[in-house]
N, C-alpha and C. Protein backbone atom coordinates (compact mmCIF):
# COMPACT_ATOMS: atom_id res chain seq x y z
N UNK A 1 187.07 16.33 250.57
CA UNK A 1 186.68 14.41 250.61
C UNK A 1 185.13 14.09 250.11
N UNK A 2 184.49 15.02 251.12
CA UNK A 2 182.66 15.03 250.93
C UNK A 2 182.54 15.01 249.59
N UNK A 3 183.18 15.89 248.48
CA UNK A 3 182.94 16.66 247.30
C UNK A 3 183.29 14.99 246.64
N UNK A 4 184.21 14.04 247.04
CA UNK A 4 184.34 12.92 245.95
C UNK A 4 183.85 11.97 246.34
N UNK A 5 183.09 11.34 247.55
CA UNK A 5 182.36 11.31 247.58
C UNK A 5 181.00 10.79 247.48
N UNK A 6 180.76 12.69 247.56
CA UNK A 6 179.54 12.62 246.49
C UNK A 6 179.52 12.15 245.23
N UNK A 7 180.49 12.88 244.40
CA UNK A 7 180.13 12.45 242.76
C UNK A 7 180.48 10.37 242.83
N UNK A 8 180.89 9.83 243.74
CA UNK A 8 181.32 8.75 243.76
C UNK A 8 179.59 7.73 243.69
N UNK A 9 179.15 8.63 245.07
CA UNK A 9 177.41 7.97 245.07
C UNK A 9 176.59 8.36 243.89
N UNK A 10 177.14 9.98 243.50
CA UNK A 10 176.21 10.13 241.91
C UNK A 10 176.43 9.49 241.27
N UNK A 11 177.62 8.64 240.97
CA UNK A 11 178.09 7.56 239.86
C UNK A 11 177.68 6.11 239.85
N UNK A 12 177.35 5.75 241.19
CA UNK A 12 176.84 4.40 241.29
C UNK A 12 175.15 4.53 241.04
N UNK A 13 174.46 5.76 241.81
CA UNK A 13 173.21 5.79 241.56
C UNK A 13 172.79 5.86 240.01
N UNK A 14 173.66 5.59 239.42
CA UNK A 14 173.11 6.94 238.37
C UNK A 14 172.97 5.23 237.41
N UNK A 15 174.49 4.15 237.85
CA UNK A 15 174.75 2.71 236.82
C UNK A 15 173.87 2.32 237.50
N UNK A 16 173.35 2.09 238.78
CA UNK A 16 171.95 1.70 239.41
C UNK A 16 170.94 1.68 238.60
N UNK A 17 170.67 2.94 238.52
CA UNK A 17 169.44 3.06 237.49
C UNK A 17 169.64 2.35 236.21
N UNK A 18 170.25 2.57 235.20
CA UNK A 18 171.14 2.51 234.67
C UNK A 18 170.51 0.31 234.04
N UNK A 19 171.46 0.08 235.06
CA UNK A 19 170.62 -1.24 235.50
C UNK A 19 169.69 -1.78 235.55
N UNK A 20 168.53 -0.88 236.50
CA UNK A 20 167.84 -1.49 236.70
C UNK A 20 166.80 -1.35 235.83
N UNK A 21 167.20 -0.27 235.14
CA UNK A 21 165.91 0.64 233.71
C UNK A 21 166.39 -0.82 232.49
N UNK A 22 167.50 -1.49 232.45
CA UNK A 22 167.31 -2.52 231.78
C UNK A 22 166.85 -4.06 231.97
N UNK A 23 167.05 -3.98 233.81
CA UNK A 23 166.13 -4.65 234.18
C UNK A 23 165.22 -5.24 234.12
N UNK A 24 164.44 -3.69 234.40
CA UNK A 24 162.89 -4.23 233.84
C UNK A 24 162.10 -4.23 232.67
N UNK A 25 163.11 -3.66 231.95
CA UNK A 25 162.91 -3.33 230.15
C UNK A 25 163.09 -4.57 229.11
N UNK A 26 163.60 -5.94 230.07
CA UNK A 26 163.87 -7.30 229.36
C UNK A 26 162.93 -7.97 229.75
N UNK A 27 162.48 -7.99 231.16
CA UNK A 27 161.31 -8.83 232.08
C UNK A 27 160.32 -8.02 231.10
N UNK A 28 160.36 -7.06 230.85
CA UNK A 28 158.77 -6.06 230.08
C UNK A 28 158.64 -6.75 228.45
N UNK A 29 160.04 -6.97 228.01
CA UNK A 29 160.29 -7.37 226.97
C UNK A 29 159.79 -9.04 226.54
N UNK A 30 160.11 -9.48 227.36
CA UNK A 30 159.83 -10.80 227.79
C UNK A 30 158.65 -11.04 228.25
N UNK A 31 157.86 -10.92 228.59
CA UNK A 31 156.46 -11.02 229.15
C UNK A 31 155.78 -10.40 227.22
N UNK A 32 156.16 -9.63 226.80
CA UNK A 32 155.86 -8.83 225.81
C UNK A 32 156.24 -9.66 223.70
N UNK A 33 156.80 -10.51 224.63
CA UNK A 33 157.91 -11.23 223.32
C UNK A 33 156.87 -11.58 222.60
N UNK A 34 157.14 -10.84 221.28
CA UNK A 34 156.16 -11.94 220.13
C UNK A 34 156.81 -12.93 219.23
N UNK A 35 155.98 -13.56 218.50
CA UNK A 35 156.90 -14.86 217.72
C UNK A 35 157.71 -14.08 216.84
N UNK A 36 158.80 -15.46 216.59
CA UNK A 36 160.02 -15.07 216.30
C UNK A 36 160.03 -14.70 214.69
N UNK A 37 159.56 -15.04 214.36
CA UNK A 37 158.70 -14.43 212.83
C UNK A 37 157.38 -14.11 212.21
N UNK A 38 156.92 -13.07 211.79
CA UNK A 38 155.96 -13.15 211.32
C UNK A 38 155.86 -13.21 210.22
N UNK A 39 154.44 -12.62 210.04
CA UNK A 39 154.34 -12.70 208.21
C UNK A 39 154.60 -12.09 207.47
N UNK A 40 155.64 -11.79 206.58
CA UNK A 40 156.51 -10.88 205.83
C UNK A 40 157.42 -10.27 206.73
N UNK A 41 158.11 -11.04 207.87
CA UNK A 41 158.89 -10.18 208.19
C UNK A 41 160.41 -10.51 208.26
N UNK A 42 161.31 -10.26 207.92
CA UNK A 42 162.88 -10.61 207.19
C UNK A 42 163.47 -10.71 207.90
N UNK A 43 164.19 -11.87 208.25
CA UNK A 43 164.67 -12.51 209.05
C UNK A 43 165.86 -12.60 209.04
N UNK A 44 167.29 -12.80 209.65
CA UNK A 44 168.46 -13.47 209.61
C UNK A 44 169.23 -11.46 208.85
N UNK A 45 168.33 -10.54 209.36
CA UNK A 45 169.38 -9.31 208.11
C UNK A 45 170.78 -9.84 208.31
N UNK A 46 171.23 -9.59 207.76
CA UNK A 46 172.76 -9.33 207.53
C UNK A 46 173.47 -7.96 207.09
N UNK A 47 173.97 -7.35 208.44
CA UNK A 47 174.53 -6.00 208.19
C UNK A 47 175.64 -6.34 206.68
N UNK A 48 175.29 -4.29 206.08
CA UNK A 48 176.13 -4.83 204.60
C UNK A 48 177.62 -4.22 205.30
N UNK A 49 178.50 -3.97 204.50
CA UNK A 49 180.31 -3.71 205.41
C UNK A 49 180.57 -2.32 205.49
N UNK A 50 179.05 -1.64 204.83
CA UNK A 50 178.59 0.10 205.11
C UNK A 50 178.08 0.06 206.64
N UNK A 51 177.38 -0.91 206.78
CA UNK A 51 176.60 -0.98 208.19
C UNK A 51 177.53 -1.37 209.41
N UNK A 52 177.86 -2.01 209.04
CA UNK A 52 178.84 -2.88 210.35
C UNK A 52 179.86 -1.39 210.26
N UNK A 53 180.21 -0.26 209.58
CA UNK A 53 181.04 0.61 210.27
C UNK A 53 180.82 2.18 211.10
N UNK A 54 179.08 1.97 210.78
CA UNK A 54 178.38 3.34 211.72
C UNK A 54 177.08 2.91 211.73
N UNK A 55 176.82 3.96 212.47
CA UNK A 55 176.01 4.11 213.49
C UNK A 55 173.96 4.14 212.13
N UNK A 56 173.16 3.19 212.35
CA UNK A 56 171.89 3.23 211.25
C UNK A 56 170.60 3.48 212.46
N UNK A 57 169.40 3.78 211.44
CA UNK A 57 168.99 4.12 212.24
C UNK A 57 167.41 2.66 211.58
N UNK A 58 166.75 2.68 212.36
CA UNK A 58 165.91 1.55 212.23
C UNK A 58 164.31 1.70 212.80
N UNK A 59 163.45 2.06 211.89
CA UNK A 59 162.23 2.51 212.15
C UNK A 59 161.46 1.38 212.54
N UNK A 60 160.62 1.43 213.32
CA UNK A 60 160.16 0.10 214.50
C UNK A 60 158.65 0.01 213.55
N UNK A 61 158.26 -1.09 213.33
CA UNK A 61 157.26 -1.68 212.30
C UNK A 61 156.50 -2.16 213.31
N UNK A 62 154.79 -2.28 212.86
CA UNK A 62 153.78 -3.14 213.92
C UNK A 62 154.26 -4.36 214.55
N UNK A 63 154.45 -4.66 215.80
CA UNK A 63 154.03 -5.77 216.41
C UNK A 63 155.87 -6.28 216.96
N UNK A 64 157.03 -5.18 216.33
CA UNK A 64 158.01 -5.54 216.51
C UNK A 64 158.55 -5.08 217.95
N UNK A 65 159.77 -5.66 218.82
CA UNK A 65 160.27 -4.88 220.06
C UNK A 65 161.42 -5.46 220.22
N UNK A 66 162.33 -4.79 221.35
CA UNK A 66 163.77 -4.98 220.98
C UNK A 66 164.00 -6.21 220.91
N UNK A 67 163.21 -7.11 221.11
CA UNK A 67 164.13 -8.47 221.27
C UNK A 67 164.64 -8.55 219.04
N UNK A 68 163.22 -8.81 219.16
CA UNK A 68 163.26 -9.04 217.37
C UNK A 68 164.03 -8.11 216.66
N UNK A 69 163.88 -7.08 217.05
CA UNK A 69 164.69 -5.96 216.26
C UNK A 69 166.57 -6.06 216.75
N UNK A 70 166.78 -6.56 217.55
CA UNK A 70 168.12 -6.94 218.26
C UNK A 70 167.91 -8.28 217.50
N UNK A 71 167.95 -9.06 217.38
CA UNK A 71 167.87 -10.41 216.39
C UNK A 71 167.87 -10.56 214.67
N UNK A 72 167.28 -8.80 214.71
CA UNK A 72 167.70 -8.82 213.24
C UNK A 72 168.99 -8.42 212.75
N UNK A 73 169.60 -7.27 213.92
CA UNK A 73 170.87 -6.91 213.30
C UNK A 73 171.91 -7.42 214.84
N UNK A 74 171.68 -8.69 214.79
CA UNK A 74 172.77 -9.53 215.31
C UNK A 74 173.07 -9.00 216.72
N UNK A 75 172.58 -7.97 217.15
CA UNK A 75 172.95 -7.19 218.90
C UNK A 75 171.72 -7.86 219.65
N UNK A 76 172.92 -7.74 221.19
CA UNK A 76 171.85 -8.23 221.99
C UNK A 76 170.35 -6.96 222.36
N UNK A 77 170.00 -7.44 222.98
CA UNK A 77 168.73 -6.13 223.64
C UNK A 77 169.12 -5.29 224.02
N UNK A 78 170.13 -5.31 224.89
CA UNK A 78 170.85 -4.35 225.84
C UNK A 78 171.74 -3.12 225.26
N UNK A 79 171.70 -3.70 224.64
CA UNK A 79 172.47 -2.68 223.21
C UNK A 79 171.93 -1.72 222.40
N UNK A 80 170.24 -2.46 221.84
CA UNK A 80 169.12 -1.28 221.35
C UNK A 80 168.82 -0.60 222.73
N UNK A 81 168.31 -1.02 224.07
CA UNK A 81 168.05 -0.08 224.94
C UNK A 81 168.77 0.59 225.62
N UNK A 82 169.93 0.79 225.23
CA UNK A 82 171.53 1.56 226.17
C UNK A 82 171.91 2.83 224.98
N UNK A 83 171.43 1.80 223.37
CA UNK A 83 171.90 3.11 222.46
C UNK A 83 170.50 3.59 222.45
N UNK A 84 169.49 3.64 223.09
CA UNK A 84 167.91 4.37 222.87
C UNK A 84 167.97 4.86 224.25
N UNK A 85 168.58 5.11 225.41
CA UNK A 85 168.41 5.61 226.31
C UNK A 85 167.46 6.69 226.77
N UNK A 86 166.72 7.44 225.49
CA UNK A 86 166.09 8.56 225.76
C UNK A 86 164.65 8.04 225.92
N UNK A 87 164.39 6.70 225.02
CA UNK A 87 163.31 6.32 224.93
C UNK A 87 162.67 5.24 226.51
N UNK A 88 163.93 5.13 226.63
CA UNK A 88 163.31 4.30 228.06
C UNK A 88 164.00 4.62 229.42
N UNK A 89 164.26 6.23 229.43
CA UNK A 89 164.24 7.13 230.62
C UNK A 89 163.14 6.86 232.13
N UNK A 90 161.84 6.68 231.16
CA UNK A 90 161.07 6.96 232.78
C UNK A 90 160.80 5.43 233.23
N UNK A 91 161.29 4.86 232.42
CA UNK A 91 160.73 3.14 232.68
C UNK A 91 161.17 2.23 231.01
N UNK A 92 160.60 1.30 231.46
CA UNK A 92 159.62 -0.03 230.14
C UNK A 92 158.81 0.70 229.54
N UNK A 93 158.75 0.72 227.73
CA UNK A 93 157.52 0.44 227.77
C UNK A 93 157.48 0.25 226.36
N UNK A 94 156.28 -0.72 225.70
CA UNK A 94 156.67 -1.04 224.30
C UNK A 94 157.11 0.10 223.07
N UNK A 95 157.50 -0.72 222.20
CA UNK A 95 158.03 -0.24 220.86
C UNK A 95 156.87 0.94 220.51
N UNK A 96 157.00 2.01 219.71
CA UNK A 96 155.29 2.47 219.39
C UNK A 96 155.89 2.14 217.41
N UNK A 97 155.26 1.75 216.19
CA UNK A 97 155.35 1.93 215.15
C UNK A 97 155.81 3.51 215.06
N UNK A 98 156.54 3.60 214.12
CA UNK A 98 157.07 4.55 213.80
C UNK A 98 158.44 4.80 214.18
N UNK A 99 158.40 4.63 215.65
CA UNK A 99 159.83 5.43 216.34
C UNK A 99 161.20 4.66 216.07
N UNK A 100 162.07 5.42 215.90
CA UNK A 100 163.09 5.69 214.95
C UNK A 100 164.14 5.43 216.01
N UNK A 101 164.74 4.28 215.82
CA UNK A 101 165.68 3.76 216.96
C UNK A 101 167.25 3.42 216.36
N UNK A 102 168.09 4.06 216.92
CA UNK A 102 169.49 4.00 216.62
C UNK A 102 170.12 2.97 216.68
N UNK A 103 170.40 1.89 215.89
CA UNK A 103 171.41 0.90 215.56
C UNK A 103 173.00 0.80 215.98
N UNK A 104 173.62 0.51 216.64
CA UNK A 104 174.80 0.91 216.97
C UNK A 104 175.43 -0.55 215.68
N UNK A 105 177.00 -0.19 215.58
CA UNK A 105 177.62 -1.35 214.45
C UNK A 105 178.08 -2.44 215.25
N UNK A 106 178.59 -1.71 216.79
CA UNK A 106 178.57 -3.47 217.20
C UNK A 106 177.75 -3.15 218.71
N UNK A 107 178.08 -4.51 219.41
CA UNK A 107 177.19 -4.47 220.85
C UNK A 107 177.81 -4.24 221.94
N UNK A 108 177.98 -3.52 222.49
CA UNK A 108 178.17 -2.64 223.47
C UNK A 108 177.39 -2.03 224.58
């Protein structure tokens, strides 16, 4: 019985950790949010039919944050964060130019 309870507690603790990372990342991004359109920035990116069916990669440009990238692909910021959890495991941090992000085909 104790083994089941321990597994449930570890699962619960893991879920709380993920929720905490997302919440802190959102708050951090809100604090450092850039204007919605930088000079020369492509806004309202429409995904092609091929992009809508598969995972794609995005190389972070100077001045981009999770929110601007999510807007570009029509996704929620949480989807970008969850797809790239390895970047945010030790807490929220600004995205560095040149970082490769996974962009999922749908919100999830």
